[in-house]
């Protein structure tokens, strides 16, 4: 029993004896492990998209890409090549300390080549780059980058500009939900002349279409159908197959008739002869006191008539008798003559507050209405 206690005390004594030396040895072992781990390298391969971007997009994040920065107001990229083969992706080999490669394995890889941003593009038709041209990033410090293939060529083409005077003859106007309500002759454009930018070959195609008097642009009108004017952006027809774009986006604005519905109403006829000489006032009367006519109503008038019509035809006719008139105007310049006269009638709102809210084109006759007048004995 005593010998067991001695053995136990000896083990504990060995553990606690000279603790500083033992802690130093432990710390040294940890540092040695960290050093050895940092010297262990690892290699991974990532496949990324090849693309061209303007300088404004250099700071993009969340991409797996190798992006070449170009002044897109001067040149346009025509495609990447490895030798004679066209490519759109590249393998990126990342080699470095294991802990750095581990950190990069799940992170988006956004590589930038910006050495061509300030290049003179007067004669350049292609540029080449390698891994050495990839811009340094903090996240890639201590990491070696290789590209497979090692050398990549980007074909480019200089941008040219062509001015074109805008006119309705050049625009294919899609009326969309507005249909026949569009007043095409009222179309106006935000720019009198547009500047088109594109590659030389594509600009030649635009000029050829222009000389052939073909439509160059399109605009699609969209909306809920209640606007009196509609504004829409112009698009270049066939732009998907052409590297052509507007220097400044143009718009077309066009007036549209309000949305209207047709109502058939029995409306009283009123002969307005106030401007005639006193001897002719009251001398002519309509052959009928009212006429069933079809009218086109929009806005609040349309809503009001629809509400009354829901109550029945008698209700909507009663509303029409109280608030609408077919006016036959007899003017001093064209006084009636003879026993019979045929005159055109005009539709008017009277009395009701609606007359201040309804536009002229929201209250009109669908067909020409001619009223027969007879001279009274």
Protein backbone atom coordinates (compact mmCIF):
# COMPACT_ATOMS: atom_id res chain seq x y z
CA UNK A 1 0.00 0.00 0.00
CA UNK A 2 2.81 2.44 0.87
CA UNK A 3 4.65 1.61 -2.34
CA UNK A 4 1.47 2.45 -4.35
CA UNK A 5 1.29 5.84 -2.73
CA UNK A 6 4.91 6.47 -3.53
CA UNK A 7 4.34 5.53 -7.14
CA UNK A 8 1.30 7.82 -7.33
CA UNK A 9 3.17 10.71 -5.77
CA UNK A 10 6.07 10.19 -8.12
CA UNK A 11 3.77 10.42 -11.20
CA UNK A 12 2.13 13.60 -9.98
CA UNK A 13 5.53 15.04 -9.11
CA UNK A 14 6.75 14.29 -12.61
CA UNK A 15 3.74 16.14 -14.10
CA UNK A 16 4.02 19.29 -12.01
CA UNK A 17 7.81 19.37 -11.79
CA UNK A 18 9.34 22.24 -13.85
CA UNK A 19 6.00 23.45 -15.37
CA UNK A 20 7.51 26.38 -17.30
CA UNK A 21 9.80 24.16 -19.29
CA UNK A 22 6.92 21.87 -20.14
CA UNK A 23 4.67 24.79 -21.24
CA UNK A 24 7.49 26.13 -23.39
CA UNK A 25 7.89 22.72 -25.01
CA UNK A 26 4.14 22.55 -25.67
CA UNK A 27 4.07 26.06 -27.24
CA UNK A 28 7.08 25.18 -29.35
CA UNK A 29 5.30 22.07 -30.59
CA UNK A 30 2.21 24.08 -31.56
CA UNK A 31 4.30 26.67 -33.43
CA UNK A 32 6.18 23.91 -35.20
CA UNK A 33 2.86 22.34 -36.25
CA UNK A 34 1.58 25.70 -37.57
CA UNK A 35 4.83 26.24 -39.47
CA UNK A 36 4.77 22.79 -40.98
CA UNK A 37 1.07 23.16 -41.91
CA UNK A 38 1.78 26.51 -43.61
CA UNK A 39 4.47 24.83 -45.69
CA UNK A 40 2.02 22.20 -46.91
CA UNK A 41 0.64 23.29 -50.29
CA UNK A 42 -2.59 22.38 -51.96
CA UNK A 43 -3.89 22.79 -55.48
CA UNK A 44 -7.44 23.14 -56.81
CA UNK A 45 -8.89 23.86 -60.25
CA UNK A 46 -11.90 26.14 -60.78
CA UNK A 47 -13.72 26.66 -64.09
CA UNK A 48 -14.90 30.25 -64.59
CA UNK A 49 -16.78 32.24 -67.23
CA UNK A 50 -14.86 34.53 -69.59
CA UNK A 51 -16.55 37.90 -70.02
CA UNK A 52 -16.05 41.54 -70.95
CA UNK A 53 -17.13 44.31 -68.57
CA UNK A 54 -16.96 48.12 -68.44
CA UNK A 55 -14.83 49.82 -65.78
CA UNK A 56 -17.97 50.57 -63.73
CA UNK A 57 -18.40 46.83 -63.01
CA UNK A 58 -14.86 46.05 -61.85
CA UNK A 59 -15.89 45.80 -58.22
CA UNK A 60 -18.59 43.19 -58.76
CA UNK A 61 -18.81 40.42 -56.21
CA UNK A 62 -20.40 37.00 -56.12
CA UNK A 63 -19.17 35.97 -59.60
CA UNK A 64 -17.20 32.99 -60.85
CA UNK A 65 -15.61 34.79 -63.75
CA UNK A 66 -12.48 36.09 -65.40
CA UNK A 67 -13.49 39.54 -66.64
CA UNK A 68 -11.57 41.70 -69.09
CA UNK A 69 -12.14 45.43 -68.58
CA UNK A 70 -12.68 47.34 -71.84
CA UNK A 71 -13.79 50.91 -72.61
CA UNK A 72 -17.08 49.83 -74.15
CA UNK A 73 -17.60 53.26 -75.67
CA UNK A 74 -14.58 52.55 -77.90
CA UNK A 75 -14.46 48.81 -78.60
CA UNK A 76 -16.65 45.76 -78.35
CA UNK A 77 -15.45 42.25 -77.53
CA UNK A 78 -16.06 39.74 -80.34
CA UNK A 79 -15.04 36.51 -78.58
CA UNK A 80 -12.31 34.69 -76.69
CA UNK A 81 -9.96 32.22 -78.37
CA UNK A 82 -7.27 29.71 -77.41
CA UNK A 83 -5.30 29.34 -80.62
CA UNK A 84 -7.96 28.85 -83.30
CA UNK A 85 -10.60 27.50 -80.94
CA UNK A 86 -13.29 29.82 -79.61
CA UNK A 87 -13.86 29.45 -75.87
CA UNK A 88 -16.14 30.98 -73.27
CA UNK A 89 -14.68 29.43 -70.11
CA UNK A 90 -11.21 28.87 -68.68
CA UNK A 91 -9.77 26.59 -65.97
CA UNK A 92 -8.04 28.47 -63.18
CA UNK A 93 -5.46 26.48 -61.19
CA UNK A 94 -4.93 27.85 -57.69
CA UNK A 95 -1.82 26.63 -55.84
CA UNK A 96 -0.65 27.78 -52.42
CA UNK A 97 -0.69 27.16 -48.67
CA UNK A 98 -3.36 24.69 -47.73
CA UNK A 99 -5.19 27.06 -45.40
CA UNK A 100 -5.49 29.73 -48.13
CA UNK A 101 -6.67 27.27 -50.75
CA UNK A 102 -9.21 25.86 -48.30
CA UNK A 103 -10.57 29.38 -47.77
CA UNK A 104 -10.84 29.96 -51.53
CA UNK A 105 -12.48 26.66 -52.34
CA UNK A 106 -16.05 27.76 -51.58
CA UNK A 107 -15.69 31.48 -52.29
CA UNK A 108 -16.73 33.12 -55.62
CA UNK A 109 -13.72 33.66 -57.84
CA UNK A 110 -13.79 37.11 -59.41
CA UNK A 111 -10.62 37.63 -61.47
CA UNK A 112 -10.03 40.92 -63.28
CA UNK A 113 -7.74 41.78 -66.21
CA UNK A 114 -7.62 45.58 -66.45
CA UNK A 115 -4.38 46.21 -68.37
CA UNK A 116 -6.30 47.10 -71.57
CA UNK A 117 -8.52 49.84 -70.11
CA UNK A 118 -6.22 52.70 -71.20
CA UNK A 119 -4.98 51.12 -74.44
CA UNK A 120 -4.89 53.01 -77.76
CA UNK A 121 -7.54 51.26 -79.84
CA UNK A 122 -6.88 53.01 -83.14
CA UNK A 123 -5.65 49.85 -84.87
CA UNK A 124 -6.05 46.99 -82.36
CA UNK A 125 -8.03 43.99 -83.56
CA UNK A 126 -7.11 41.56 -80.75
CA UNK A 127 -5.42 41.47 -77.34
CA UNK A 128 -3.80 38.59 -75.46
CA UNK A 129 -3.39 37.95 -71.76
CA UNK A 130 -2.02 35.32 -69.37
CA UNK A 131 -2.27 34.63 -65.65
CA UNK A 132 0.43 37.25 -65.02
CA UNK A 133 -1.99 39.92 -66.22
CA UNK A 134 -4.63 39.08 -63.59
CA UNK A 135 -4.88 41.97 -61.14
CA UNK A 136 -3.58 41.26 -57.65
CA UNK A 137 -6.19 40.81 -54.94
CA UNK A 138 -5.81 40.61 -51.19
CA UNK A 139 -7.64 37.29 -51.06
CA UNK A 140 -5.12 35.77 -53.50
CA UNK A 141 -1.91 36.90 -51.76
CA UNK A 142 0.51 33.99 -51.56
CA UNK A 143 -1.50 32.03 -54.12
CA UNK A 144 -0.12 31.17 -57.53
CA UNK A 145 -2.55 31.36 -60.45
CA UNK A 146 -2.29 29.40 -63.67
CA UNK A 147 -4.70 29.48 -66.61
CA UNK A 148 -5.53 26.51 -68.79
CA UNK A 149 -5.09 27.35 -71.62
CA UNK A 150 -2.17 29.56 -70.61
CA UNK A 151 -2.64 32.30 -73.24
CA UNK A 152 -6.04 33.67 -74.23
CA UNK A 153 -6.83 35.99 -77.12
CA UNK A 154 -9.77 38.39 -77.12
CA UNK A 155 -10.93 39.59 -80.51
CA UNK A 156 -12.15 43.19 -80.45
CA UNK A 157 -13.70 45.60 -82.90
CA UNK A 158 -13.73 49.36 -82.74
CA UNK A 159 -17.00 51.15 -82.12
CA UNK A 160 -18.32 53.57 -84.72
CA UNK A 161 -21.12 56.11 -84.36
CA UNK A 162 -23.85 57.00 -86.87
CA UNK A 163 -26.44 59.80 -86.37
CA UNK A 164 -30.00 59.08 -87.55
CA UNK A 165 -32.86 61.59 -87.60
CA UNK A 166 -35.89 60.11 -85.89
CA UNK A 167 -39.21 60.00 -87.69
CA UNK A 168 -42.37 57.93 -87.50
CA UNK A 169 -41.44 56.33 -90.84
CA UNK A 170 -38.50 54.59 -89.12
CA UNK A 171 -40.47 53.33 -86.12
CA UNK A 172 -42.63 50.21 -85.94
CA UNK A 173 -45.18 51.22 -83.32
CA UNK A 174 -46.86 48.31 -81.53
CA UNK A 175 -50.14 49.65 -80.16
CA UNK A 176 -50.38 46.97 -77.48
CA UNK A 177 -53.61 47.17 -75.44
CA UNK A 178 -54.54 50.59 -76.90
CA UNK A 179 -55.41 49.35 -80.39
CA UNK A 180 -57.31 51.87 -82.54
CA UNK A 181 -57.26 54.42 -79.73
CA UNK A 182 -53.69 55.41 -80.66
CA UNK A 183 -53.37 58.76 -82.46
CA UNK A 184 -50.27 57.86 -84.45
CA UNK A 185 -49.86 61.32 -85.98
CA UNK A 186 -49.28 62.79 -82.51
CA UNK A 187 -46.08 60.79 -81.93
CA UNK A 188 -43.18 62.88 -80.65
CA UNK A 189 -39.65 61.80 -79.75
CA UNK A 190 -37.41 62.72 -76.84
CA UNK A 191 -34.53 63.19 -79.30
CA UNK A 192 -34.62 64.62 -82.80
CA UNK A 193 -31.49 62.69 -83.77
CA UNK A 194 -30.19 59.49 -82.18
CA UNK A 195 -26.56 58.36 -82.12
CA UNK A 196 -26.12 54.65 -82.75
CA UNK A 197 -22.87 53.03 -81.60
CA UNK A 198 -21.68 49.67 -82.83
CA UNK A 199 -19.00 47.71 -84.64
CA UNK A 200 -18.10 48.83 -88.14
CA UNK A 201 -19.70 45.79 -89.79
CA UNK A 202 -22.92 46.15 -87.83
CA UNK A 203 -23.14 49.88 -88.50
CA UNK A 204 -22.85 49.17 -92.22
CA UNK A 205 -25.89 46.90 -91.84
CA UNK A 206 -27.82 49.71 -90.11
CA UNK A 207 -26.94 52.16 -92.89
CA UNK A 208 -28.01 49.61 -95.53
CA UNK A 209 -31.40 49.18 -93.86
CA UNK A 210 -31.80 52.94 -93.67
CA UNK A 211 -31.10 53.36 -97.39
CA UNK A 212 -33.70 50.67 -98.13
CA UNK A 213 -36.27 52.69 -96.11
CA UNK A 214 -36.76 49.80 -93.69
CA UNK A 215 -37.97 50.19 -90.14
CA UNK A 216 -34.98 50.57 -87.82
CA UNK A 217 -36.72 50.87 -84.46
CA UNK A 218 -39.72 49.55 -82.58
CA UNK A 219 -41.70 50.74 -79.59
CA UNK A 220 -44.32 48.75 -77.70
CA UNK A 221 -47.01 50.73 -75.91
CA UNK A 222 -48.00 49.28 -72.56
CA UNK A 223 -50.31 50.46 -69.81
CA UNK A 224 -53.65 49.96 -68.15
CA UNK A 225 -55.60 51.63 -70.94
CA UNK A 226 -56.58 54.81 -69.12
CA UNK A 227 -53.72 57.17 -70.01
CA UNK A 228 -54.21 60.04 -72.45
CA UNK A 229 -50.54 59.90 -73.43
CA UNK A 230 -48.23 56.89 -73.42
CA UNK A 231 -44.43 56.94 -73.32
CA UNK A 232 -42.33 53.98 -74.45
CA UNK A 233 -38.61 53.36 -75.07
CA UNK A 234 -37.36 52.74 -78.59
CA UNK A 235 -35.58 49.47 -79.39
CA UNK A 236 -33.30 48.69 -82.30
CA UNK A 237 -34.90 46.05 -84.54
CA UNK A 238 -32.67 42.99 -84.77
CA UNK A 239 -30.37 44.24 -82.01
CA UNK A 240 -29.84 40.69 -80.70
CA UNK A 241 -27.91 39.84 -83.83
CA UNK A 242 -26.10 43.18 -83.95
CA UNK A 243 -23.63 44.83 -81.59
CA UNK A 244 -25.44 48.16 -81.82
CA UNK A 245 -26.83 50.36 -79.07
CA UNK A 246 -28.08 53.89 -78.45
CA UNK A 247 -25.68 56.52 -77.17
CA UNK A 248 -28.68 57.95 -75.27
CA UNK A 249 -31.92 56.01 -74.88
CA UNK A 250 -34.72 57.69 -76.92
CA UNK A 251 -38.43 57.57 -76.08
CA UNK A 252 -41.61 58.07 -78.08
CA UNK A 253 -44.69 59.76 -76.63
CA UNK A 254 -48.06 59.34 -78.34
CA UNK A 255 -51.55 60.50 -77.51
CA UNK A 256 -54.33 57.96 -77.13
CA UNK A 257 -58.05 58.31 -77.02
CA UNK A 258 -59.60 57.50 -73.65
CA UNK A 259 -61.09 54.08 -73.07
CA UNK A 260 -64.78 54.25 -73.95
CA UNK A 261 -67.81 51.98 -74.04
CA UNK A 262 -70.88 52.20 -76.26
CA UNK A 263 -74.29 53.00 -74.76
CA UNK A 264 -77.61 53.21 -76.60
CA UNK A 265 -79.68 56.01 -75.09
CA UNK A 266 -82.88 57.92 -75.75
CA UNK A 267 -81.70 61.55 -75.70
CA UNK A 268 -83.89 64.67 -76.04
CA UNK A 269 -83.33 66.98 -79.01
CA UNK A 270 -82.95 70.72 -78.43
CA UNK A 271 -82.94 73.34 -81.20
CA UNK A 272 -80.55 76.18 -80.31
CA UNK A 273 -81.72 79.21 -82.34
CA UNK A 274 -80.64 81.98 -79.93
CA UNK A 275 -78.24 83.48 -82.47
CA UNK A 276 -80.96 83.82 -85.14
CA UNK A 277 -82.84 87.09 -85.75
CA UNK A 278 -85.84 87.45 -83.43
CA UNK A 279 -88.24 86.73 -86.30
CA UNK A 280 -86.79 83.24 -86.78
CA UNK A 281 -86.47 82.24 -83.16
CA UNK A 282 -88.84 79.40 -82.37
CA UNK A 283 -89.79 79.09 -86.02
CA UNK A 284 -88.24 75.64 -86.45
CA UNK A 285 -88.75 72.53 -84.36
CA UNK A 286 -87.40 68.98 -84.54
CA UNK A 287 -89.69 66.44 -86.12
CA UNK A 288 -89.20 64.19 -83.07
CA UNK A 289 -88.69 65.12 -79.39
CA UNK A 290 -85.86 62.62 -78.83
CA UNK A 291 -83.74 60.09 -80.67
CA UNK A 292 -82.27 56.73 -79.74
CA UNK A 293 -78.58 57.03 -80.51
CA UNK A 294 -75.33 55.26 -79.66
CA UNK A 295 -72.75 57.25 -77.79
CA UNK A 296 -69.12 56.57 -76.80
CA UNK A 297 -68.58 57.43 -73.14
CA UNK A 298 -65.28 57.46 -71.25
CA UNK A 299 -63.94 58.47 -67.85
CA UNK A 300 -66.43 59.33 -65.13
CA UNK A 301 -69.28 59.52 -67.68
CA UNK A 302 -68.67 55.90 -68.64
CA UNK A 303 -68.69 54.89 -64.98
CA UNK A 304 -71.89 56.83 -64.31
CA UNK A 305 -73.75 55.37 -67.28
CA UNK A 306 -72.59 51.85 -66.44
CA UNK A 307 -73.91 52.29 -62.91
CA UNK A 308 -77.31 53.48 -64.18
CA UNK A 309 -77.47 50.78 -66.84
CA UNK A 310 -76.98 48.13 -64.17
CA UNK A 311 -80.36 49.29 -62.80
CA UNK A 312 -82.03 48.74 -66.18
CA UNK A 313 -82.50 50.53 -69.51
CA UNK A 314 -85.29 52.71 -68.11
CA UNK A 315 -82.93 54.06 -65.44
CA UNK A 316 -80.15 54.94 -67.85
CA UNK A 317 -82.62 56.57 -70.29
CA UNK A 318 -84.04 58.63 -67.43
CA UNK A 319 -80.53 59.81 -66.54
CA UNK A 320 -79.88 60.67 -70.20
CA UNK A 321 -83.10 62.70 -70.48
CA UNK A 322 -82.08 64.73 -67.47
CA UNK A 323 -78.42 65.31 -68.28
CA UNK A 324 -77.77 64.86 -72.02
CA UNK A 325 -78.95 66.75 -75.09
CA UNK A 326 -78.70 66.43 -78.85
CA UNK A 327 -78.11 70.07 -79.78
CA UNK A 328 -79.06 71.34 -83.24
CA UNK A 329 -77.35 74.69 -83.55
CA UNK A 330 -78.85 77.22 -85.97
CA UNK A 331 -76.36 79.99 -86.65
CA UNK A 332 -76.80 83.51 -87.95
CA UNK A 333 -74.32 82.76 -90.75
CA UNK A 334 -76.42 79.85 -91.95
CA UNK A 335 -80.06 80.49 -91.09
CA UNK A 336 -82.68 77.87 -92.03
CA UNK A 337 -84.67 78.37 -95.19
CA UNK A 338 -87.80 76.72 -96.48
CA UNK A 339 -90.22 74.46 -94.73
CA UNK A 340 -87.82 71.57 -94.08
CA UNK A 341 -84.20 71.55 -92.92
CA UNK A 342 -81.73 68.74 -92.22
CA UNK A 343 -79.07 69.63 -89.66
CA UNK A 344 -76.38 67.69 -87.82
CA UNK A 345 -76.81 67.28 -84.06
CA UNK A 346 -74.07 67.47 -81.42
CA UNK A 347 -73.99 65.69 -78.05
CA UNK A 348 -73.71 67.80 -74.90
CA UNK A 349 -73.80 67.27 -71.13
CA UNK A 350 -75.97 69.85 -69.34
CA UNK A 351 -76.69 70.70 -65.73
CA UNK A 352 -74.89 67.78 -64.10
CA UNK A 353 -71.47 68.48 -62.46
CA UNK A 354 -70.00 65.94 -64.87
CA UNK A 355 -69.75 68.54 -67.63
CA UNK A 356 -66.70 70.00 -65.83
CA UNK A 357 -64.99 66.58 -65.53
CA UNK A 358 -65.64 64.99 -68.91
CA UNK A 359 -63.34 65.67 -71.85
CA UNK A 360 -64.75 66.23 -75.33
CA UNK A 361 -63.47 62.87 -76.60
CA UNK A 362 -65.04 61.11 -73.61
CA UNK A 363 -68.54 62.05 -74.69
CA UNK A 364 -69.25 61.71 -78.38
CA UNK A 365 -71.71 60.25 -80.82
CA UNK A 366 -70.67 56.98 -82.40
CA UNK A 367 -72.51 57.78 -85.65
CA UNK A 368 -73.52 60.95 -87.47
CA UNK A 369 -76.94 62.09 -86.27
CA UNK A 370 -79.03 64.22 -88.67
CA UNK A 371 -82.20 65.83 -87.34
CA UNK A 372 -85.09 66.88 -89.54
CA UNK A 373 -86.45 70.36 -88.74
CA UNK A 374 -89.86 71.65 -89.78
CA UNK A 375 -91.04 75.28 -89.93
CA UNK A 376 -93.84 75.88 -87.52
CA UNK A 377 -97.07 77.48 -88.79
